[in-house]
Amino acid sequence: EVQLQASGGGLVQAGGSLRLSCAASGFTFDDYVIGWFRQAPGKEREGITCTAKGTSNTYYSDSVKGRFTISTDKANNMVFLEMNNLKSDDTAVYFCGADGPVDKYYSAFTGCYYGMTYWGEGTLVTVSS
């Protein structure tokens, strides 16, 4: 059974940094696309970064490119989202998601665009201006 649990959200000032963690189980990272999504109040869920077959196939949305970094620790089945230079627009509930198994040609962008099959509970990030 695929399970995901995000943690690490909180209140941070604009310009600050935060690191989110996602504990994953029930699947092999190399066989799945994994990503971080967020949903701000009144808005649809948005795929902000996804990775497949390791970080060599990684997508970032324009809204976070250059500020956020996704990484994985396969030995401990963890996915991280390092968020720097946070802005008030980054305030949202953040979710980690996974989908698969996928083949080696599967695009990380596709995962972020179409969404995931498996979701963890979200963690709230609030950026104060």
N, C-alpha and C. Protein backbone atom coordinates (compact mmCIF):
# COMPACT_ATOMS: atom_id res chain seq x y z
N GLU A 1 0.85 -1.19 0.00
CA GLU A 1 0.00 0.00 0.00
C GLU A 1 0.89 1.24 0.00
N VAL A 2 0.62 2.13 -0.95
CA VAL A 2 1.37 3.38 -1.03
C VAL A 2 0.86 4.35 0.03
N GLN A 3 1.80 4.87 0.81
CA GLN A 3 1.44 5.85 1.82
C GLN A 3 2.42 7.02 1.77
N LEU A 4 1.90 8.21 2.00
CA LEU A 4 2.69 9.42 1.98
C LEU A 4 2.25 10.31 3.13
N GLN A 5 3.20 10.96 3.77
CA GLN A 5 2.86 11.86 4.86
C GLN A 5 3.80 13.06 4.83
N ALA A 6 3.23 14.21 4.58
CA ALA A 6 4.02 15.44 4.53
C ALA A 6 4.09 16.08 5.91
N SER A 7 5.18 16.77 6.17
CA SER A 7 5.36 17.49 7.44
C SER A 7 6.33 18.64 7.23
N GLY A 8 6.40 19.50 8.23
CA GLY A 8 7.38 20.58 8.19
C GLY A 8 6.82 21.95 7.91
N GLY A 9 5.52 22.04 7.69
CA GLY A 9 4.92 23.34 7.45
C GLY A 9 4.94 24.22 8.68
N GLY A 10 4.65 25.49 8.48
CA GLY A 10 4.63 26.41 9.60
C GLY A 10 4.52 27.84 9.13
N LEU A 11 4.76 28.75 10.04
CA LEU A 11 4.70 30.18 9.76
C LEU A 11 6.12 30.70 9.56
N VAL A 12 6.33 31.42 8.47
CA VAL A 12 7.65 31.96 8.17
C VAL A 12 7.49 33.35 7.57
N GLN A 13 8.46 34.20 7.81
CA GLN A 13 8.40 35.55 7.24
C GLN A 13 8.82 35.53 5.78
N ALA A 14 8.32 36.49 5.04
CA ALA A 14 8.71 36.63 3.64
C ALA A 14 10.22 36.76 3.55
N GLY A 15 10.80 36.06 2.57
CA GLY A 15 12.25 36.05 2.41
C GLY A 15 12.92 34.90 3.15
N GLY A 16 12.16 34.24 4.00
CA GLY A 16 12.72 33.15 4.78
C GLY A 16 12.70 31.82 4.04
N SER A 17 13.11 30.78 4.76
CA SER A 17 13.22 29.45 4.17
C SER A 17 12.48 28.43 5.04
N LEU A 18 12.12 27.35 4.40
CA LEU A 18 11.44 26.25 5.09
C LEU A 18 11.72 24.97 4.34
N ARG A 19 11.81 23.88 5.06
CA ARG A 19 12.03 22.57 4.43
C ARG A 19 10.89 21.63 4.77
N LEU A 20 10.23 21.14 3.76
CA LEU A 20 9.17 20.18 3.95
C LEU A 20 9.70 18.77 3.73
N SER A 21 9.14 17.83 4.46
CA SER A 21 9.52 16.43 4.33
C SER A 21 8.30 15.59 3.99
N CYS A 22 8.52 14.52 3.27
CA CYS A 22 7.45 13.58 2.94
C CYS A 22 7.97 12.18 3.16
N ALA A 23 7.38 11.48 4.11
CA ALA A 23 7.74 10.09 4.36
C ALA A 23 6.89 9.21 3.45
N ALA A 24 7.56 8.38 2.67
CA ALA A 24 6.88 7.54 1.69
C ALA A 24 7.11 6.07 1.98
N SER A 25 6.15 5.26 1.62
CA SER A 25 6.30 3.82 1.78
C SER A 25 5.39 3.11 0.78
N GLY A 26 5.73 1.84 0.51
CA GLY A 26 4.87 1.01 -0.34
C GLY A 26 5.23 1.02 -1.80
N PHE A 27 6.31 1.71 -2.19
CA PHE A 27 6.71 1.71 -3.59
C PHE A 27 8.20 2.01 -3.70
N THR A 28 8.73 1.73 -4.88
CA THR A 28 10.14 1.98 -5.17
C THR A 28 10.27 3.30 -5.91
N PHE A 29 11.08 4.21 -5.39
CA PHE A 29 11.19 5.56 -5.95
C PHE A 29 11.51 5.55 -7.44
N ASP A 30 12.39 4.68 -7.87
CA ASP A 30 12.81 4.68 -9.28
C ASP A 30 11.67 4.29 -10.22
N ASP A 31 10.62 3.71 -9.70
CA ASP A 31 9.51 3.24 -10.54
C ASP A 31 8.34 4.21 -10.55
N TYR A 32 8.44 5.30 -9.80
CA TYR A 32 7.31 6.21 -9.64
C TYR A 32 7.73 7.64 -9.96
N VAL A 33 6.76 8.44 -10.30
CA VAL A 33 6.95 9.89 -10.35
C VAL A 33 6.44 10.44 -9.01
N ILE A 34 7.23 11.35 -8.44
CA ILE A 34 6.94 11.90 -7.12
C ILE A 34 6.92 13.42 -7.23
N GLY A 35 6.07 14.05 -6.48
CA GLY A 35 6.03 15.50 -6.61
C GLY A 35 5.42 16.20 -5.42
N TRP A 36 5.58 17.52 -5.46
CA TRP A 36 4.98 18.40 -4.48
C TRP A 36 3.94 19.28 -5.17
N PHE A 37 2.82 19.40 -4.53
CA PHE A 37 1.72 20.21 -5.03
C PHE A 37 1.30 21.16 -3.92
N ARG A 38 0.59 22.20 -4.29
CA ARG A 38 0.08 23.09 -3.27
C ARG A 38 -1.30 23.61 -3.68
N GLN A 39 -2.06 23.98 -2.67
CA GLN A 39 -3.39 24.53 -2.91
C GLN A 39 -3.59 25.73 -2.00
N ALA A 40 -3.68 26.89 -2.62
CA ALA A 40 -3.91 28.12 -1.89
C ALA A 40 -5.42 28.32 -1.72
N PRO A 41 -5.82 29.10 -0.75
CA PRO A 41 -7.25 29.34 -0.53
C PRO A 41 -7.94 29.85 -1.79
N GLY A 42 -9.03 29.18 -2.18
CA GLY A 42 -9.79 29.61 -3.33
C GLY A 42 -9.19 29.25 -4.67
N LYS A 43 -8.10 28.50 -4.66
CA LYS A 43 -7.44 28.13 -5.92
C LYS A 43 -7.38 26.62 -6.08
N GLU A 44 -7.11 26.19 -7.31
CA GLU A 44 -6.97 24.77 -7.59
C GLU A 44 -5.59 24.29 -7.14
N ARG A 45 -5.51 22.97 -6.94
CA ARG A 45 -4.22 22.39 -6.59
C ARG A 45 -3.25 22.54 -7.77
N GLU A 46 -2.03 22.91 -7.45
CA GLU A 46 -1.01 23.21 -8.48
C GLU A 46 0.20 22.32 -8.29
N GLY A 47 0.64 21.69 -9.35
CA GLY A 47 1.87 20.91 -9.30
C GLY A 47 3.06 21.83 -9.42
N ILE A 48 3.91 21.91 -8.41
CA ILE A 48 5.02 22.86 -8.42
C ILE A 48 6.35 22.21 -8.74
N THR A 49 6.54 20.97 -8.38
CA THR A 49 7.76 20.28 -8.75
C THR A 49 7.54 18.78 -8.69
N CYS A 50 8.04 18.10 -9.70
CA CYS A 50 7.94 16.65 -9.76
C CYS A 50 9.25 16.07 -10.26
N THR A 51 9.51 14.84 -9.88
CA THR A 51 10.72 14.19 -10.33
C THR A 51 10.43 12.73 -10.62
N ALA A 52 11.08 12.22 -11.66
CA ALA A 52 10.92 10.82 -12.04
C ALA A 52 12.29 10.26 -12.37
N LYS A 53 12.52 9.03 -12.01
CA LYS A 53 13.81 8.37 -12.25
C LYS A 53 14.95 9.22 -11.70
N GLY A 54 14.77 9.74 -10.51
CA GLY A 54 15.80 10.57 -9.92
C GLY A 54 15.78 11.99 -10.42
N THR A 55 16.65 12.81 -9.92
CA THR A 55 16.60 14.24 -10.21
C THR A 55 17.05 14.59 -11.61
N SER A 56 17.43 13.64 -12.44
CA SER A 56 17.80 13.96 -13.82
C SER A 56 16.57 14.28 -14.66
N ASN A 57 15.41 13.97 -14.18
CA ASN A 57 14.16 14.26 -14.88
C ASN A 57 13.27 15.00 -13.88
N THR A 58 13.44 16.29 -13.81
CA THR A 58 12.76 17.08 -12.79
C THR A 58 12.12 18.29 -13.41
N TYR A 59 10.91 18.59 -12.95
CA TYR A 59 10.15 19.74 -13.44
C TYR A 59 9.90 20.72 -12.28
N TYR A 60 10.00 22.00 -12.59
CA TYR A 60 9.63 23.05 -11.66
C TYR A 60 8.68 24.00 -12.36
N SER A 61 7.63 24.40 -11.69
CA SER A 61 6.75 25.42 -12.26
C SER A 61 7.47 26.76 -12.25
N ASP A 62 7.04 27.65 -13.10
CA ASP A 62 7.67 28.97 -13.16
C ASP A 62 7.54 29.71 -11.83
N SER A 63 6.49 29.43 -11.10
CA SER A 63 6.25 30.14 -9.85
C SER A 63 7.28 29.82 -8.77
N VAL A 64 7.98 28.69 -8.89
CA VAL A 64 8.93 28.30 -7.84
C VAL A 64 10.35 28.07 -8.37
N LYS A 65 10.51 28.09 -9.68
CA LYS A 65 11.82 27.80 -10.27
C LYS A 65 12.87 28.77 -9.74
N GLY A 66 14.00 28.21 -9.32
CA GLY A 66 15.08 29.03 -8.79
C GLY A 66 14.99 29.26 -7.30
N ARG A 67 13.84 28.96 -6.69
CA ARG A 67 13.66 29.18 -5.25
C ARG A 67 13.43 27.87 -4.50
N PHE A 68 12.79 26.91 -5.14
CA PHE A 68 12.46 25.63 -4.50
C PHE A 68 13.30 24.52 -5.11
N THR A 69 13.62 23.52 -4.30
CA THR A 69 14.38 22.37 -4.77
C THR A 69 13.78 21.09 -4.20
N ILE A 70 13.50 20.14 -5.08
CA ILE A 70 13.04 18.83 -4.65
C ILE A 70 14.23 17.88 -4.57
N SER A 71 14.24 17.03 -3.55
CA SER A 71 15.29 16.04 -3.42
C SER A 71 14.71 14.77 -2.79
N THR A 72 15.42 13.69 -2.98
CA THR A 72 14.96 12.42 -2.43
C THR A 72 16.08 11.73 -1.66
N ASP A 73 15.71 11.00 -0.66
CA ASP A 73 16.62 10.13 0.09
C ASP A 73 16.05 8.73 -0.05
N LYS A 74 16.54 8.02 -1.05
CA LYS A 74 15.95 6.72 -1.37
C LYS A 74 16.18 5.71 -0.25
N ALA A 75 17.30 5.83 0.42
CA ALA A 75 17.61 4.86 1.48
C ALA A 75 16.59 4.92 2.61
N ASN A 76 16.05 6.13 2.84
CA ASN A 76 15.09 6.30 3.92
C ASN A 76 13.68 6.62 3.43
N ASN A 77 13.47 6.49 2.13
CA ASN A 77 12.14 6.71 1.53
C ASN A 77 11.57 8.07 1.90
N MET A 78 12.39 9.09 1.70
CA MET A 78 11.97 10.44 2.03
C MET A 78 12.05 11.34 0.79
N VAL A 79 11.14 12.28 0.71
CA VAL A 79 11.15 13.31 -0.32
C VAL A 79 11.14 14.66 0.39
N PHE A 80 11.97 15.57 -0.08
CA PHE A 80 12.09 16.87 0.58
C PHE A 80 11.77 17.99 -0.40
N LEU A 81 11.32 19.09 0.15
CA LEU A 81 11.14 20.32 -0.63
C LEU A 81 11.79 21.45 0.14
N GLU A 82 12.90 21.91 -0.40
CA GLU A 82 13.61 23.05 0.19
C GLU A 82 13.05 24.31 -0.45
N MET A 83 12.53 25.21 0.38
CA MET A 83 11.88 26.43 -0.11
C MET A 83 12.65 27.64 0.41
N ASN A 84 13.15 28.44 -0.51
CA ASN A 84 13.92 29.63 -0.15
C ASN A 84 13.25 30.87 -0.71
N ASN A 85 13.61 32.01 -0.14
CA ASN A 85 13.07 33.30 -0.59
C ASN A 85 11.54 33.22 -0.69
N LEU A 86 10.93 32.79 0.36
CA LEU A 86 9.48 32.60 0.35
C LEU A 86 8.74 33.93 0.22
N LYS A 87 7.61 33.86 -0.48
CA LYS A 87 6.78 35.02 -0.72
C LYS A 87 5.38 34.76 -0.17
N SER A 88 4.62 35.83 0.01
CA SER A 88 3.26 35.65 0.54
C SER A 88 2.42 34.78 -0.39
N ASP A 89 2.71 34.83 -1.69
CA ASP A 89 1.97 33.99 -2.65
C ASP A 89 2.24 32.51 -2.48
N ASP A 90 3.25 32.17 -1.72
CA ASP A 90 3.57 30.76 -1.47
C ASP A 90 2.70 30.17 -0.36
N THR A 91 1.92 31.00 0.30
CA THR A 91 1.03 30.51 1.35
C THR A 91 0.03 29.54 0.77
N ALA A 92 0.02 28.32 1.31
CA ALA A 92 -0.84 27.26 0.78
C ALA A 92 -0.70 26.01 1.64
N VAL A 93 -1.58 25.06 1.39
CA VAL A 93 -1.39 23.72 1.93
C VAL A 93 -0.57 22.94 0.91
N TYR A 94 0.50 22.33 1.37
CA TYR A 94 1.42 21.61 0.50
C TYR A 94 1.20 20.11 0.67
N PHE A 95 1.16 19.42 -0.47
CA PHE A 95 0.93 17.98 -0.50
C PHE A 95 2.08 17.29 -1.25
N CYS A 96 2.44 16.12 -0.81
CA CYS A 96 3.30 15.29 -1.63
C CYS A 96 2.43 14.22 -2.29
N GLY A 97 2.81 13.86 -3.50
CA GLY A 97 2.03 12.88 -4.26
C GLY A 97 2.94 11.94 -5.02
N ALA A 98 2.39 10.81 -5.41
CA ALA A 98 3.15 9.82 -6.18
C ALA A 98 2.22 9.11 -7.15
N ASP A 99 2.80 8.68 -8.25
CA ASP A 99 2.04 7.93 -9.25
C ASP A 99 2.95 6.91 -9.91
N GLY A 100 2.40 5.77 -10.22
CA GLY A 100 3.21 4.77 -10.90
C GLY A 100 2.64 3.38 -10.77
N PRO A 101 3.39 2.37 -11.23
CA PRO A 101 4.72 2.56 -11.79
C PRO A 101 4.69 3.20 -13.17
N VAL A 102 5.76 3.95 -13.49
CA VAL A 102 5.90 4.61 -14.77
C VAL A 102 7.18 4.11 -15.44
N ASP A 103 7.21 4.22 -16.78
CA ASP A 103 8.41 3.75 -17.47
C ASP A 103 9.46 4.87 -17.50
N LYS A 104 10.65 4.54 -18.02
CA LYS A 104 11.78 5.47 -17.96
C LYS A 104 11.59 6.69 -18.83
N TYR A 105 10.58 6.69 -19.72
CA TYR A 105 10.34 7.83 -20.59
C TYR A 105 9.30 8.79 -20.02
N TYR A 106 8.76 8.45 -18.89
CA TYR A 106 7.68 9.26 -18.31
C TYR A 106 8.23 10.61 -17.88
N SER A 107 7.55 11.66 -18.29
CA SER A 107 8.00 13.01 -18.00
C SER A 107 7.54 13.48 -16.63
N ALA A 108 8.47 14.09 -15.90
CA ALA A 108 8.10 14.66 -14.61
C ALA A 108 7.03 15.74 -14.78
N PHE A 109 7.10 16.49 -15.89
CA PHE A 109 6.09 17.52 -16.16
C PHE A 109 4.70 16.90 -16.25
N THR A 110 4.61 15.74 -16.90
CA THR A 110 3.31 15.07 -17.03
C THR A 110 2.72 14.75 -15.67
N GLY A 111 3.58 14.30 -14.77
CA GLY A 111 3.11 14.00 -13.43
C GLY A 111 2.55 15.22 -12.74
N CYS A 112 3.26 16.34 -12.86
CA CYS A 112 2.78 17.56 -12.23
C CYS A 112 1.53 18.10 -12.91
N TYR A 113 1.43 17.92 -14.22
CA TYR A 113 0.30 18.49 -14.96
C TYR A 113 -0.98 17.72 -14.71
N TYR A 114 -0.90 16.39 -14.74
CA TYR A 114 -2.11 15.57 -14.62
C TYR A 114 -2.42 15.16 -13.19
N GLY A 115 -1.49 15.37 -12.29
CA GLY A 115 -1.73 15.00 -10.91
C GLY A 115 -1.32 13.58 -10.62
N MET A 116 -1.52 13.17 -9.41
CA MET A 116 -1.04 11.90 -8.90
C MET A 116 -2.19 11.00 -8.49
N THR A 117 -1.89 9.72 -8.38
CA THR A 117 -2.88 8.76 -7.88
C THR A 117 -2.88 8.72 -6.36
N TYR A 118 -1.70 8.85 -5.79
CA TYR A 118 -1.56 8.71 -4.34
C TYR A 118 -1.19 10.06 -3.73
N TRP A 119 -1.85 10.36 -2.64
CA TRP A 119 -1.63 11.65 -1.97
C TRP A 119 -1.44 11.44 -0.48
N GLY A 120 -0.61 12.29 0.10
CA GLY A 120 -0.53 12.35 1.53
C GLY A 120 -1.36 13.51 2.04
N GLU A 121 -1.54 13.58 3.33
CA GLU A 121 -2.22 14.73 3.91
C GLU A 121 -1.30 15.94 3.80
N GLY A 122 -1.90 17.08 3.65
CA GLY A 122 -1.11 18.28 3.43
C GLY A 122 -0.54 18.86 4.70
N THR A 123 0.38 19.79 4.49
CA THR A 123 0.95 20.55 5.59
C THR A 123 0.88 22.02 5.22
N LEU A 124 0.45 22.85 6.16
CA LEU A 124 0.18 24.25 5.87
C LEU A 124 1.44 25.09 5.99
N VAL A 125 1.69 25.89 4.96
CA VAL A 125 2.77 26.86 4.97
C VAL A 125 2.15 28.25 4.89
N THR A 126 2.48 29.09 5.86
CA THR A 126 1.97 30.45 5.87
C THR A 126 3.16 31.40 5.84
N VAL A 127 3.17 32.28 4.84
CA VAL A 127 4.25 33.24 4.70
C VAL A 127 3.70 34.62 5.02
N SER A 128 4.25 35.22 6.04
CA SER A 128 3.79 36.55 6.45
C SER A 128 4.63 37.63 5.78
N SER A 129 3.96 38.68 5.36
CA SER A 129 4.68 39.76 4.66
C SER A 129 5.07 40.87 5.62
